Amino acid sequence: MKSHSIELIVDEPIPGHYCWVLLKHESPDQNPVPVDYAAGPMPTYTAAMKEGIAALERRAESRAASNGPNTLH
């Protein structure tokens, strides 16, 4: 089984506009690949972080559902 890590980044490209992105790290010698991102900017860092965490949780739930119950990853 391959191991992949997902990183949540919150950035402020313009003052007062916060965006999140989920990056997948497939191997140490490759650049991370974006797998999900904010549809638009959010007004606070906290709001962007919460939305990014929710997206990460949805990915985890979807992955668990596709692999069946009681499967460890």
PDB file of N, CA and C in Angstrom:
ATOM      1  N   MET A   1       0.849  -1.184   0.000  1.00  0.00           N
ATOM      2  CA  MET A   1       0.000   0.000   0.000  1.00  0.00           C
ATOM      3  C   MET A   1       0.892   1.244   0.000  1.00  0.00           C
ATOM      4  N   LYS A   2       0.585   2.194  -0.879  1.00  0.00           N
ATOM      5  CA  LYS A   2       1.328   3.434  -0.937  1.00  0.00           C
ATOM      6  C   LYS A   2       0.874   4.378   0.169  1.00  0.00           C
ATOM      7  N   SER A   3       1.827   5.103   0.699  1.00  0.00           N
ATOM      8  CA  SER A   3       1.499   6.103   1.711  1.00  0.00           C
ATOM      9  C   SER A   3       1.590   7.489   1.080  1.00  0.00           C
ATOM     10  N   HIS A   4       0.555   8.281   1.251  1.00  0.00           N
ATOM     11  CA  HIS A   4       0.533   9.647   0.744  1.00  0.00           C
ATOM     12  C   HIS A   4       0.195  10.566   1.900  1.00  0.00           C
ATOM     13  N   SER A   5       0.878  11.686   1.957  1.00  0.00           N
ATOM     14  CA  SER A   5       0.512  12.661   2.970  1.00  0.00           C
ATOM     15  C   SER A   5      -0.164  13.845   2.289  1.00  0.00           C
ATOM     16  N   ILE A   6      -1.126  14.413   2.989  1.00  0.00           N
ATOM     17  CA  ILE A   6      -1.868  15.578   2.505  1.00  0.00           C
ATOM     18  C   ILE A   6      -1.577  16.723   3.471  1.00  0.00           C
ATOM     19  N   GLU A   7      -1.238  17.857   2.906  1.00  0.00           N
ATOM     20  CA  GLU A   7      -0.905  19.035   3.696  1.00  0.00           C
ATOM     21  C   GLU A   7      -1.950  20.115   3.448  1.00  0.00           C
ATOM     22  N   LEU A   8      -2.400  20.757   4.517  1.00  0.00           N
ATOM     23  CA  LEU A   8      -3.327  21.883   4.417  1.00  0.00           C
ATOM     24  C   LEU A   8      -2.533  23.171   4.575  1.00  0.00           C
ATOM     25  N   ILE A   9      -2.648  24.040   3.580  1.00  0.00           N
ATOM     26  CA  ILE A   9      -1.978  25.341   3.602  1.00  0.00           C
ATOM     27  C   ILE A   9      -3.047  26.427   3.569  1.00  0.00           C
ATOM     28  N   VAL A  10      -2.890  27.440   4.413  1.00  0.00           N
ATOM     29  CA  VAL A  10      -3.732  28.638   4.334  1.00  0.00           C
ATOM     30  C   VAL A  10      -2.810  29.791   3.981  1.00  0.00           C
ATOM     31  N   ASP A  11      -3.167  30.514   2.937  1.00  0.00           N
ATOM     32  CA  ASP A  11      -2.348  31.612   2.435  1.00  0.00           C
ATOM     33  C   ASP A  11      -3.183  32.890   2.402  1.00  0.00           C
ATOM     34  N   GLU A  12      -2.506  34.021   2.479  1.00  0.00           N
ATOM     35  CA  GLU A  12      -3.156  35.329   2.372  1.00  0.00           C
ATOM     36  C   GLU A  12      -2.512  36.079   1.193  1.00  0.00           C
ATOM     37  N   PRO A  13      -2.939  35.764  -0.047  1.00  0.00           N
ATOM     38  CA  PRO A  13      -2.300  36.383  -1.209  1.00  0.00           C
ATOM     39  C   PRO A  13      -2.527  37.893  -1.302  1.00  0.00           C
ATOM     40  N   ILE A  14      -3.657  38.336  -0.779  1.00  0.00           N
ATOM     41  CA  ILE A  14      -4.001  39.758  -0.719  1.00  0.00           C
ATOM     42  C   ILE A  14      -4.445  40.023   0.720  1.00  0.00           C
ATOM     43  N   PRO A  15      -4.037  41.129   1.331  1.00  0.00           N
ATOM     44  CA  PRO A  15      -4.444  41.382   2.705  1.00  0.00           C
ATOM     45  C   PRO A  15      -5.957  41.232   2.907  1.00  0.00           C
ATOM     46  N   GLY A  16      -6.335  40.405   3.893  1.00  0.00           N
ATOM     47  CA  GLY A  16      -7.734  40.193   4.217  1.00  0.00           C
ATOM     48  C   GLY A  16      -8.442  39.145   3.367  1.00  0.00           C
ATOM     49  N   HIS A  17      -7.721  38.456   2.493  1.00  0.00           N
ATOM     50  CA  HIS A  17      -8.284  37.404   1.641  1.00  0.00           C
ATOM     51  C   HIS A  17      -7.494  36.117   1.878  1.00  0.00           C
ATOM     52  N   TYR A  18      -8.136  35.158   2.520  1.00  0.00           N
ATOM     53  CA  TYR A  18      -7.463  33.913   2.900  1.00  0.00           C
ATOM     54  C   TYR A  18      -7.980  32.750   2.058  1.00  0.00           C
ATOM     55  N   CYS A  19      -7.055  31.953   1.557  1.00  0.00           N
ATOM     56  CA  CYS A  19      -7.403  30.799   0.733  1.00  0.00           C
ATOM     57  C   CYS A  19      -6.714  29.559   1.291  1.00  0.00           C
ATOM     58  N   TRP A  20      -7.373  28.416   1.164  1.00  0.00           N
ATOM     59  CA  TRP A  20      -6.761  27.159   1.583  1.00  0.00           C
ATOM     60  C   TRP A  20      -6.526  26.281   0.361  1.00  0.00           C
ATOM     61  N   VAL A  21      -5.561  25.384   0.503  1.00  0.00           N
ATOM     62  CA  VAL A  21      -5.275  24.403  -0.543  1.00  0.00           C
ATOM     63  C   VAL A  21      -4.790  23.123   0.139  1.00  0.00           C
ATOM     64  N   LEU A  22      -5.226  21.972  -0.396  1.00  0.00           N
ATOM     65  CA  LEU A  22      -4.732  20.681   0.055  1.00  0.00           C
ATOM     66  C   LEU A  22      -3.696  20.213  -0.956  1.00  0.00           C
ATOM     67  N   LEU A  23      -2.498  19.892  -0.462  1.00  0.00           N
ATOM     68  CA  LEU A  23      -1.406  19.437  -1.310  1.00  0.00           C
ATOM     69  C   LEU A  23      -1.080  17.982  -0.991  1.00  0.00           C
ATOM     70  N   LYS A  24      -0.926  17.181  -2.026  1.00  0.00           N
ATOM     71  CA  LYS A  24      -0.598  15.764  -1.870  1.00  0.00           C
ATOM     72  C   LYS A  24       0.895  15.574  -2.122  1.00  0.00           C
ATOM     73  N   HIS A  25       1.565  14.927  -1.174  1.00  0.00           N
ATOM     74  CA  HIS A  25       2.986  14.620  -1.285  1.00  0.00           C
ATOM     75  C   HIS A  25       3.112  13.130  -1.598  1.00  0.00           C
ATOM     76  N   GLU A  26       3.459  12.818  -2.832  1.00  0.00           N
ATOM     77  CA  GLU A  26       3.568  11.419  -3.229  1.00  0.00           C
ATOM     78  C   GLU A  26       4.945  10.850  -2.980  1.00  0.00           C
ATOM     79  N   SER A  27       5.972  11.678  -3.082  1.00  0.00           N
ATOM     80  CA  SER A  27       7.325  11.225  -2.786  1.00  0.00           C
ATOM     81  C   SER A  27       8.184  12.442  -2.466  1.00  0.00           C
ATOM     82  N   PRO A  28       9.264  12.230  -1.715  1.00  0.00           N
ATOM     83  CA  PRO A  28      10.106  13.362  -1.308  1.00  0.00           C
ATOM     84  C   PRO A  28      10.794  14.081  -2.472  1.00  0.00           C
ATOM     85  N   ASP A  29      10.989  13.388  -3.590  1.00  0.00           N
ATOM     86  CA  ASP A  29      11.705  14.003  -4.703  1.00  0.00           C
ATOM     87  C   ASP A  29      10.785  14.691  -5.722  1.00  0.00           C
ATOM     88  N   GLN A  30       9.487  14.745  -5.444  1.00  0.00           N
ATOM     89  CA  GLN A  30       8.538  15.415  -6.335  1.00  0.00           C
ATOM     90  C   GLN A  30       7.885  16.585  -5.627  1.00  0.00           C
ATOM     91  N   ASN A  31       7.507  17.581  -6.406  1.00  0.00           N
ATOM     92  CA  ASN A  31       6.767  18.713  -5.848  1.00  0.00           C
ATOM     93  C   ASN A  31       5.364  18.251  -5.465  1.00  0.00           C
ATOM     94  N   PRO A  32       4.791  18.823  -4.397  1.00  0.00           N
ATOM     95  CA  PRO A  32       3.419  18.456  -4.031  1.00  0.00           C
ATOM     96  C   PRO A  32       2.437  18.886  -5.111  1.00  0.00           C
ATOM     97  N   VAL A  33       1.327  18.140  -5.205  1.00  0.00           N
ATOM     98  CA  VAL A  33       0.300  18.385  -6.212  1.00  0.00           C
ATOM     99  C   VAL A  33      -0.973  18.858  -5.520  1.00  0.00           C
ATOM    100  N   PRO A  34      -1.571  19.982  -5.958  1.00  0.00           N
ATOM    101  CA  PRO A  34      -2.847  20.401  -5.360  1.00  0.00           C
ATOM    102  C   PRO A  34      -3.940  19.385  -5.686  1.00  0.00           C
ATOM    103  N   VAL A  35      -4.712  18.995  -4.652  1.00  0.00           N
ATOM    104  CA  VAL A  35      -5.809  18.051  -4.857  1.00  0.00           C
ATOM    105  C   VAL A  35      -7.167  18.668  -4.554  1.00  0.00           C
ATOM    106  N   ASP A  36      -7.188  19.794  -3.861  1.00  0.00           N
ATOM    107  CA  ASP A  36      -8.427  20.522  -3.579  1.00  0.00           C
ATOM    108  C   ASP A  36      -8.042  21.928  -3.126  1.00  0.00           C
ATOM    109  N   TYR A  37      -8.940  22.886  -3.323  1.00  0.00           N
ATOM    110  CA  TYR A  37      -8.636  24.259  -2.941  1.00  0.00           C
ATOM    111  C   TYR A  37      -9.922  25.044  -2.756  1.00  0.00           C
ATOM    112  N   ALA A  38      -9.797  26.198  -2.121  1.00  0.00           N
ATOM    113  CA  ALA A  38     -10.944  27.065  -1.857  1.00  0.00           C
ATOM    114  C   ALA A  38     -11.549  27.559  -3.158  1.00  0.00           C
ATOM    115  N   ALA A  39     -12.868  27.646  -3.185  1.00  0.00           N
ATOM    116  CA  ALA A  39     -13.567  28.175  -4.354  1.00  0.00           C
ATOM    117  C   ALA A  39     -13.361  29.682  -4.478  1.00  0.00           C
ATOM    118  N   GLY A  40     -13.056  30.327  -3.378  1.00  0.00           N
ATOM    119  CA  GLY A  40     -12.826  31.765  -3.369  1.00  0.00           C
ATOM    120  C   GLY A  40     -12.235  32.171  -2.035  1.00  0.00           C
ATOM    121  N   PRO A  41     -11.825  33.413  -1.902  1.00  0.00           N
ATOM    122  CA  PRO A  41     -11.198  33.863  -0.658  1.00  0.00           C
ATOM    123  C   PRO A  41     -12.188  33.938   0.496  1.00  0.00           C
ATOM    124  N   MET A  42     -11.647  33.805   1.692  1.00  0.00           N
ATOM    125  CA  MET A  42     -12.437  33.916   2.913  1.00  0.00           C
ATOM    126  C   MET A  42     -11.929  35.099   3.729  1.00  0.00           C
ATOM    127  N   PRO A  43     -12.780  35.648   4.592  1.00  0.00           N
ATOM    128  CA  PRO A  43     -12.417  36.890   5.275  1.00  0.00           C
ATOM    129  C   PRO A  43     -11.423  36.735   6.422  1.00  0.00           C
ATOM    130  N   THR A  44     -11.266  35.506   6.951  1.00  0.00           N
ATOM    131  CA  THR A  44     -10.347  35.311   8.077  1.00  0.00           C
ATOM    132  C   THR A  44      -9.534  34.032   7.894  1.00  0.00           C
ATOM    133  N   TYR A  45      -8.391  34.004   8.561  1.00  0.00           N
ATOM    134  CA  TYR A  45      -7.545  32.812   8.567  1.00  0.00           C
ATOM    135  C   TYR A  45      -8.320  31.639   9.161  1.00  0.00           C
ATOM    136  N   THR A  46      -9.035  31.890  10.256  1.00  0.00           N
ATOM    137  CA  THR A  46      -9.796  30.838  10.931  1.00  0.00           C
ATOM    138  C   THR A  46     -10.847  30.225  10.012  1.00  0.00           C
ATOM    139  N   ALA A  47     -11.575  31.058   9.286  1.00  0.00           N
ATOM    140  CA  ALA A  47     -12.599  30.554   8.366  1.00  0.00           C
ATOM    141  C   ALA A  47     -11.963  29.680   7.290  1.00  0.00           C
ATOM    142  N   ALA A  48     -10.838  30.116   6.744  1.00  0.00           N
ATOM    143  CA  ALA A  48     -10.149  29.329   5.719  1.00  0.00           C
ATOM    144  C   ALA A  48      -9.638  28.014   6.297  1.00  0.00           C
ATOM    145  N   MET A  49      -9.095  28.052   7.496  1.00  0.00           N
ATOM    146  CA  MET A  49      -8.594  26.836   8.134  1.00  0.00           C
ATOM    147  C   MET A  49      -9.733  25.849   8.377  1.00  0.00           C
ATOM    148  N   LYS A  50     -10.863  26.341   8.869  1.00  0.00           N
ATOM    149  CA  LYS A  50     -12.013  25.459   9.120  1.00  0.00           C
ATOM    150  C   LYS A  50     -12.512  24.815   7.830  1.00  0.00           C
ATOM    151  N   GLU A  51     -12.596  25.589   6.757  1.00  0.00           N
ATOM    152  CA  GLU A  51     -13.044  25.051   5.474  1.00  0.00           C
ATOM    153  C   GLU A  51     -12.043  24.035   4.927  1.00  0.00           C
ATOM    154  N   GLY A  52     -10.768  24.312   5.091  1.00  0.00           N
ATOM    155  CA  GLY A  52      -9.739  23.370   4.649  1.00  0.00           C
ATOM    156  C   GLY A  52      -9.789  22.067   5.426  1.00  0.00           C
ATOM    157  N   ILE A  53      -9.995  22.156   6.732  1.00  0.00           N
ATOM    158  CA  ILE A  53     -10.120  20.956   7.569  1.00  0.00           C
ATOM    159  C   ILE A  53     -11.355  20.162   7.164  1.00  0.00           C
ATOM    160  N   ALA A  54     -12.462  20.851   6.890  1.00  0.00           N
ATOM    161  CA  ALA A  54     -13.683  20.163   6.447  1.00  0.00           C
ATOM    162  C   ALA A  54     -13.437  19.421   5.132  1.00  0.00           C
ATOM    163  N   ALA A  55     -12.699  20.031   4.216  1.00  0.00           N
ATOM    164  CA  ALA A  55     -12.383  19.372   2.943  1.00  0.00           C
ATOM    165  C   ALA A  55     -11.496  18.154   3.180  1.00  0.00           C
ATOM    166  N   LEU A  56     -10.551  18.279   4.093  1.00  0.00           N
ATOM    167  CA  LEU A  56      -9.671  17.160   4.429  1.00  0.00           C
ATOM    168  C   LEU A  56     -10.470  16.012   5.045  1.00  0.00           C
ATOM    169  N   GLU A  57     -11.409  16.340   5.917  1.00  0.00           N
ATOM    170  CA  GLU A  57     -12.270  15.315   6.531  1.00  0.00           C
ATOM    171  C   GLU A  57     -13.155  14.638   5.484  1.00  0.00           C
ATOM    172  N   ARG A  58     -13.681  15.405   4.537  1.00  0.00           N
ATOM    173  CA  ARG A  58     -14.488  14.805   3.463  1.00  0.00           C
ATOM    174  C   ARG A  58     -13.656  13.821   2.643  1.00  0.00           C
ATOM    175  N   ARG A  59     -12.409  14.185   2.354  1.00  0.00           N
ATOM    176  CA  ARG A  59     -11.512  13.276   1.627  1.00  0.00           C
ATOM    177  C   ARG A  59     -11.301  11.989   2.409  1.00  0.00           C
ATOM    178  N   ALA A  60     -11.068  12.120   3.714  1.00  0.00           N
ATOM    179  CA  ALA A  60     -10.830  10.946   4.554  1.00  0.00           C
ATOM    180  C   ALA A  60     -12.072  10.060   4.612  1.00  0.00           C
ATOM    181  N   GLU A  61     -13.250  10.671   4.754  1.00  0.00           N
ATOM    182  CA  GLU A  61     -14.494   9.898   4.808  1.00  0.00           C
ATOM    183  C   GLU A  61     -14.758   9.197   3.477  1.00  0.00           C
ATOM    184  N   SER A  62     -14.512   9.888   2.381  1.00  0.00           N
ATOM    185  CA  SER A  62     -14.711   9.299   1.059  1.00  0.00           C
ATOM    186  C   SER A  62     -13.755   8.127   0.843  1.00  0.00           C
ATOM    187  N   ARG A  63     -12.523   8.300   1.259  1.00  0.00           N
ATOM    188  CA  ARG A  63     -11.523   7.238   1.115  1.00  0.00           C
ATOM    189  C   ARG A  63     -11.893   6.027   1.971  1.00  0.00           C
ATOM    190  N   ALA A  64     -12.337   6.283   3.196  1.00  0.00           N
ATOM    191  CA  ALA A  64     -12.738   5.177   4.081  1.00  0.00           C
ATOM    192  C   ALA A  64     -13.942   4.447   3.516  1.00  0.00           C
ATOM    193  N   ALA A  65     -14.900   5.180   2.970  1.00  0.00           N
ATOM    194  CA  ALA A  65     -16.105   4.554   2.408  1.00  0.00           C
ATOM    195  C   ALA A  65     -15.761   3.698   1.188  1.00  0.00           C
ATOM    196  N   SER A  66     -14.818   4.157   0.383  1.00  0.00           N
ATOM    197  CA  SER A  66     -14.462   3.392  -0.818  1.00  0.00           C
ATOM    198  C   SER A  66     -13.629   2.157  -0.500  1.00  0.00           C
ATOM    199  N   ASN A  67     -13.005   2.136   0.667  1.00  0.00           N
ATOM    200  CA  ASN A  67     -12.191   0.979   1.053  1.00  0.00           C
ATOM    201  C   ASN A  67     -12.932  -0.002   1.956  1.00  0.00           C
ATOM    202  N   GLY A  68     -14.171   0.301   2.272  1.00  0.00           N
ATOM    203  CA  GLY A  68     -14.971  -0.594   3.105  1.00  0.00           C
ATOM    204  C   GLY A  68     -14.746  -0.360   4.591  1.00  0.00           C
ATOM    205  N   PRO A  69     -15.607  -0.941   5.404  1.00  0.00           N
ATOM    206  CA  PRO A  69     -15.519  -0.754   6.856  1.00  0.00           C
ATOM    207  C   PRO A  69     -14.331  -1.507   7.450  1.00  0.00           C
ATOM    208  N   ASN A  70     -13.881  -1.002   8.583  1.00  0.00           N
ATOM    209  CA  ASN A  70     -12.818  -1.641   9.378  1.00  0.00           C
ATOM    210  C   ASN A  70     -11.509  -1.827   8.624  1.00  0.00           C
ATOM    211  N   THR A  71     -11.192  -0.920   7.752  1.00  0.00           N
ATOM    212  CA  THR A  71      -9.922  -0.982   7.035  1.00  0.00           C
ATOM    213  C   THR A  71      -9.003   0.101   7.555  1.00  0.00           C
ATOM    214  N   LEU A  72      -7.808  -0.283   7.951  1.00  0.00           N
ATOM    215  CA  LEU A  72      -6.832   0.692   8.425  1.00  0.00           C
ATOM    216  C   LEU A  72      -5.999   1.177   7.261  1.00  0.00           C
ATOM    217  N   HIS A  73      -5.660   2.505   7.267  1.00  0.00           N
ATOM    218  CA  HIS A  73      -4.838   3.087   6.200  1.00  0.00           C
ATOM    219  C   HIS A  73      -3.678   3.788   6.800  1.00  0.00           C
TER     220      HIS A  73
END
